[in-house]
Amino acid sequence: MATRSKHLESLAANPLFSSLSKKDLQKIARATNEVTRPAGAVLVDQGDLGREAFFIVEGTATVKRNGRKIGTLGPGEAVGELSLLDHGPRTATVTADTDLVVLVLSSREFSGIVEEVPSVAHKLLGQLASRVRELDRQIYG
């Protein structure tokens, strides 16, 4: 089991939460549940409906889209942030390379946080806009 300070470090390292105060990070940490997954376990499967996000505290995971590796994730990175907003299908499969410790944040808990800490919503929108711009740049130059 990871320490509470490690939880806060991992959340603060994520771009979604990096500008939040320690007090706001503590609210988010309290809204999460720590879960461990063994190496080889599938954290999310492409096409499945998502209702939560996972924030990696310890370990690494491989991200594959349509069976092709597109990245590796580690501490401070997240899986499934879009599901906090739209409950849509997962866009990739994420498999644990090593034993993983993750914080799970449900969309219901996230909604409560957004109501209590509106700056989280602004940060998320900024992060998503950055991703759209980067994808646009990659596709259209």
C-alpha atoms as a PDB file:
ATOM      1  CA  MET A   1       0.000   0.000   0.000  1.00  0.00           C
ATOM      2  CA  ALA A   2       1.410   3.370  -1.024  1.00  0.00           C
ATOM      3  CA  THR A   3       1.640   6.201   1.481  1.00  0.00           C
ATOM      4  CA  ARG A   4      -0.719   9.157   1.432  1.00  0.00           C
ATOM      5  CA  SER A   5       2.203  11.446   0.504  1.00  0.00           C
ATOM      6  CA  LYS A   6       2.961   9.181  -2.481  1.00  0.00           C
ATOM      7  CA  HIS A   7      -0.681   9.511  -3.543  1.00  0.00           C
ATOM      8  CA  LEU A   8      -0.424  13.293  -3.415  1.00  0.00           C
ATOM      9  CA  GLU A   9       2.890  13.237  -5.334  1.00  0.00           C
ATOM     10  CA  SER A  10       1.366  11.111  -8.086  1.00  0.00           C
ATOM     11  CA  LEU A  11      -1.706  13.313  -8.421  1.00  0.00           C
ATOM     12  CA  ALA A  12       0.404  16.496  -8.409  1.00  0.00           C
ATOM     13  CA  ALA A  13       2.643  15.051 -11.164  1.00  0.00           C
ATOM     14  CA  ASN A  14      -0.344  14.609 -13.456  1.00  0.00           C
ATOM     15  CA  PRO A  15      -0.841  17.634 -15.769  1.00  0.00           C
ATOM     16  CA  LEU A  16      -4.545  17.569 -14.975  1.00  0.00           C
ATOM     17  CA  PHE A  17      -3.891  18.384 -11.318  1.00  0.00           C
ATOM     18  CA  SER A  18      -0.408  19.943 -11.344  1.00  0.00           C
ATOM     19  CA  SER A  19      -1.567  23.491 -10.599  1.00  0.00           C
ATOM     20  CA  LEU A  20      -3.914  22.587  -7.756  1.00  0.00           C
ATOM     21  CA  SER A  21      -3.227  23.418  -4.135  1.00  0.00           C
ATOM     22  CA  LYS A  22      -2.251  20.731  -1.652  1.00  0.00           C
ATOM     23  CA  LYS A  23      -5.683  21.119  -0.045  1.00  0.00           C
ATOM     24  CA  ASP A  24      -7.432  20.443  -3.372  1.00  0.00           C
ATOM     25  CA  LEU A  25      -5.132  17.490  -4.097  1.00  0.00           C
ATOM     26  CA  GLN A  26      -6.046  16.052  -0.698  1.00  0.00           C
ATOM     27  CA  LYS A  27      -9.757  16.277  -1.618  1.00  0.00           C
ATOM     28  CA  ILE A  28      -9.078  14.386  -4.819  1.00  0.00           C
ATOM     29  CA  ALA A  29      -6.938  11.793  -3.027  1.00  0.00           C
ATOM     30  CA  ARG A  30      -9.741  11.201  -0.517  1.00  0.00           C
ATOM     31  CA  ALA A  31     -12.161  10.616  -3.417  1.00  0.00           C
ATOM     32  CA  THR A  32      -9.985   7.852  -4.880  1.00  0.00           C
ATOM     33  CA  ASN A  33      -9.504   4.217  -3.982  1.00  0.00           C
ATOM     34  CA  GLU A  34      -6.094   2.564  -4.116  1.00  0.00           C
ATOM     35  CA  VAL A  35      -6.038  -0.631  -6.181  1.00  0.00           C
ATOM     36  CA  THR A  36      -3.185  -2.984  -7.020  1.00  0.00           C
ATOM     37  CA  ARG A  37      -2.941  -4.992 -10.227  1.00  0.00           C
ATOM     38  CA  PRO A  38      -0.346  -7.673 -10.985  1.00  0.00           C
ATOM     39  CA  ALA A  39       1.983  -7.553 -13.987  1.00  0.00           C
ATOM     40  CA  GLY A  40       0.090  -8.736 -17.070  1.00  0.00           C
ATOM     41  CA  ALA A  41      -3.316  -7.555 -15.863  1.00  0.00           C
ATOM     42  CA  VAL A  42      -5.442  -5.494 -18.246  1.00  0.00           C
ATOM     43  CA  LEU A  43      -6.338  -2.199 -16.607  1.00  0.00           C
ATOM     44  CA  VAL A  44      -8.684  -1.058 -19.386  1.00  0.00           C
ATOM     45  CA  ASP A  45      -9.688  -2.722 -22.638  1.00  0.00           C
ATOM     46  CA  GLN A  46     -10.197  -0.800 -25.877  1.00  0.00           C
ATOM     47  CA  GLY A  47     -13.889  -0.482 -26.708  1.00  0.00           C
ATOM     48  CA  ASP A  48     -15.191  -1.105 -23.185  1.00  0.00           C
ATOM     49  CA  LEU A  49     -17.285   1.651 -21.665  1.00  0.00           C
ATOM     50  CA  GLY A  50     -15.375   3.707 -19.123  1.00  0.00           C
ATOM     51  CA  ARG A  51     -16.693   5.138 -15.896  1.00  0.00           C
ATOM     52  CA  GLU A  52     -13.455   5.866 -14.062  1.00  0.00           C
ATOM     53  CA  ALA A  53      -9.896   7.082 -14.449  1.00  0.00           C
ATOM     54  CA  PHE A  54      -6.743   5.501 -13.066  1.00  0.00           C
ATOM     55  CA  PHE A  55      -3.738   7.457 -11.780  1.00  0.00           C
ATOM     56  CA  ILE A  56      -0.538   5.437 -11.623  1.00  0.00           C
ATOM     57  CA  VAL A  57       1.274   5.629  -8.287  1.00  0.00           C
ATOM     58  CA  GLU A  58       3.764   2.774  -8.787  1.00  0.00           C
ATOM     59  CA  GLY A  59       4.714   0.627 -11.779  1.00  0.00           C
ATOM     60  CA  THR A  60       4.481   0.887 -15.553  1.00  0.00           C
ATOM     61  CA  ALA A  61       1.899  -0.056 -18.157  1.00  0.00           C
ATOM     62  CA  THR A  62       1.825  -0.434 -21.936  1.00  0.00           C
ATOM     63  CA  VAL A  63      -0.784   1.353 -24.036  1.00  0.00           C
ATOM     64  CA  LYS A  64      -1.948  -0.356 -27.240  1.00  0.00           C
ATOM     65  CA  ARG A  65      -4.424   0.846 -29.795  1.00  0.00           C
ATOM     66  CA  ASN A  66      -5.766  -1.670 -32.285  1.00  0.00           C
ATOM     67  CA  GLY A  67      -3.090  -4.084 -31.060  1.00  0.00           C
ATOM     68  CA  ARG A  68      -0.196  -1.697 -31.786  1.00  0.00           C
ATOM     69  CA  LYS A  69       1.916  -0.259 -28.970  1.00  0.00           C
ATOM     70  CA  ILE A  70       1.581   3.503 -28.780  1.00  0.00           C
ATOM     71  CA  GLY A  71       3.166   4.263 -25.423  1.00  0.00           C
ATOM     72  CA  THR A  72       4.246   3.405 -21.923  1.00  0.00           C
ATOM     73  CA  LEU A  73       2.851   5.009 -18.779  1.00  0.00           C
ATOM     74  CA  GLY A  74       4.375   5.365 -15.329  1.00  0.00           C
ATOM     75  CA  PRO A  75       3.920   7.134 -12.003  1.00  0.00           C
ATOM     76  CA  GLY A  76       2.071  10.445 -12.260  1.00  0.00           C
ATOM     77  CA  GLU A  77       0.340   9.484 -15.500  1.00  0.00           C
ATOM     78  CA  ALA A  78      -3.325   8.679 -15.992  1.00  0.00           C
ATOM     79  CA  VAL A  79      -5.545   6.323 -17.931  1.00  0.00           C
ATOM     80  CA  GLY A  80      -9.165   7.062 -18.769  1.00  0.00           C
ATOM     81  CA  GLU A  81      -9.529  10.767 -18.041  1.00  0.00           C
ATOM     82  CA  LEU A  82     -12.001  11.111 -20.916  1.00  0.00           C
ATOM     83  CA  SER A  83     -14.284   8.626 -19.184  1.00  0.00           C
ATOM     84  CA  LEU A  84     -14.675  11.078 -16.332  1.00  0.00           C
ATOM     85  CA  LEU A  85     -16.494  13.313 -18.800  1.00  0.00           C
ATOM     86  CA  ASP A  86     -18.309  11.204 -21.361  1.00  0.00           C
ATOM     87  CA  HIS A  87     -18.496   7.558 -20.218  1.00  0.00           C
ATOM     88  CA  GLY A  88     -17.555   6.657 -23.798  1.00  0.00           C
ATOM     89  CA  PRO A  89     -15.634   3.644 -25.027  1.00  0.00           C
ATOM     90  CA  ARG A  90     -11.990   3.212 -24.057  1.00  0.00           C
ATOM     91  CA  THR A  91      -9.700   4.342 -26.871  1.00  0.00           C
ATOM     92  CA  ALA A  92      -6.884   1.922 -26.014  1.00  0.00           C
ATOM     93  CA  THR A  93      -5.988  -1.188 -24.058  1.00  0.00           C
ATOM     94  CA  VAL A  94      -3.662  -0.646 -21.100  1.00  0.00           C
ATOM     95  CA  THR A  95      -1.797  -3.616 -19.634  1.00  0.00           C
ATOM     96  CA  ALA A  96       0.413  -3.654 -16.536  1.00  0.00           C
ATOM     97  CA  ASP A  97       4.090  -4.275 -17.374  1.00  0.00           C
ATOM     98  CA  THR A  98       4.930  -4.507 -13.689  1.00  0.00           C
ATOM     99  CA  ASP A  99       2.811  -4.754 -10.579  1.00  0.00           C
ATOM    100  CA  LEU A 100       0.758  -1.546 -10.508  1.00  0.00           C
ATOM    101  CA  VAL A 101      -0.576   0.610  -7.713  1.00  0.00           C
ATOM    102  CA  VAL A 102      -3.232   2.972  -9.058  1.00  0.00           C
ATOM    103  CA  LEU A 103      -5.699   5.443  -7.632  1.00  0.00           C
ATOM    104  CA  VAL A 104      -9.169   4.956  -9.086  1.00  0.00           C
ATOM    105  CA  LEU A 105     -11.431   7.993  -9.460  1.00  0.00           C
ATOM    106  CA  SER A 106     -15.025   7.324 -10.509  1.00  0.00           C
ATOM    107  CA  SER A 107     -16.947   9.763 -12.653  1.00  0.00           C
ATOM    108  CA  ARG A 108     -19.445  10.209  -9.818  1.00  0.00           C
ATOM    109  CA  GLU A 109     -16.708  11.196  -7.347  1.00  0.00           C
ATOM    110  CA  PHE A 110     -15.104  13.419  -9.993  1.00  0.00           C
ATOM    111  CA  SER A 111     -18.401  15.279 -10.522  1.00  0.00           C
ATOM    112  CA  GLY A 112     -18.552  16.014  -6.805  1.00  0.00           C
ATOM    113  CA  ILE A 113     -14.985  17.337  -6.871  1.00  0.00           C
ATOM    114  CA  VAL A 114     -15.730  19.593  -9.854  1.00  0.00           C
ATOM    115  CA  GLU A 115     -18.682  21.072  -7.983  1.00  0.00           C
ATOM    116  CA  GLU A 116     -16.514  21.661  -4.920  1.00  0.00           C
ATOM    117  CA  VAL A 117     -13.309  22.697  -6.754  1.00  0.00           C
ATOM    118  CA  PRO A 118     -14.258  24.303 -10.114  1.00  0.00           C
ATOM    119  CA  SER A 119     -10.603  24.930 -11.022  1.00  0.00           C
ATOM    120  CA  VAL A 120     -10.293  21.176 -11.684  1.00  0.00           C
ATOM    121  CA  ALA A 121     -12.782  21.520 -14.562  1.00  0.00           C
ATOM    122  CA  HIS A 122     -10.865  24.481 -16.003  1.00  0.00           C
ATOM    123  CA  LYS A 123      -7.602  22.541 -15.797  1.00  0.00           C
ATOM    124  CA  LEU A 124      -9.158  19.512 -17.473  1.00  0.00           C
ATOM    125  CA  LEU A 125     -10.533  21.625 -20.305  1.00  0.00           C
ATOM    126  CA  GLY A 126      -7.111  23.203 -20.827  1.00  0.00           C
ATOM    127  CA  GLN A 127      -5.454  19.773 -20.868  1.00  0.00           C
ATOM    128  CA  LEU A 128      -7.949  18.426 -23.388  1.00  0.00           C
ATOM    129  CA  ALA A 129      -7.536  21.505 -25.595  1.00  0.00           C
ATOM    130  CA  SER A 130      -3.766  20.949 -25.580  1.00  0.00           C
ATOM    131  CA  ARG A 131      -4.247  17.354 -26.667  1.00  0.00           C
ATOM    132  CA  VAL A 132      -6.577  18.376 -29.507  1.00  0.00           C
ATOM    133  CA  ARG A 133      -4.053  20.997 -30.687  1.00  0.00           C
ATOM    134  CA  GLU A 134      -1.221  18.457 -30.595  1.00  0.00           C
ATOM    135  CA  LEU A 135      -3.242  15.927 -32.577  1.00  0.00           C
ATOM    136  CA  ASP A 136      -4.206  18.638 -35.053  1.00  0.00           C
ATOM    137  CA  ARG A 137      -0.535  19.580 -35.449  1.00  0.00           C
ATOM    138  CA  GLN A 138       0.452  15.935 -36.003  1.00  0.00           C
ATOM    139  CA  ILE A 139      -2.242  15.342 -38.617  1.00  0.00           C
ATOM    140  CA  TYR A 140      -2.321  18.666 -40.459  1.00  0.00           C
ATOM    141  CA  GLY A 141       1.111  20.105 -39.721  1.00  0.00           C
END
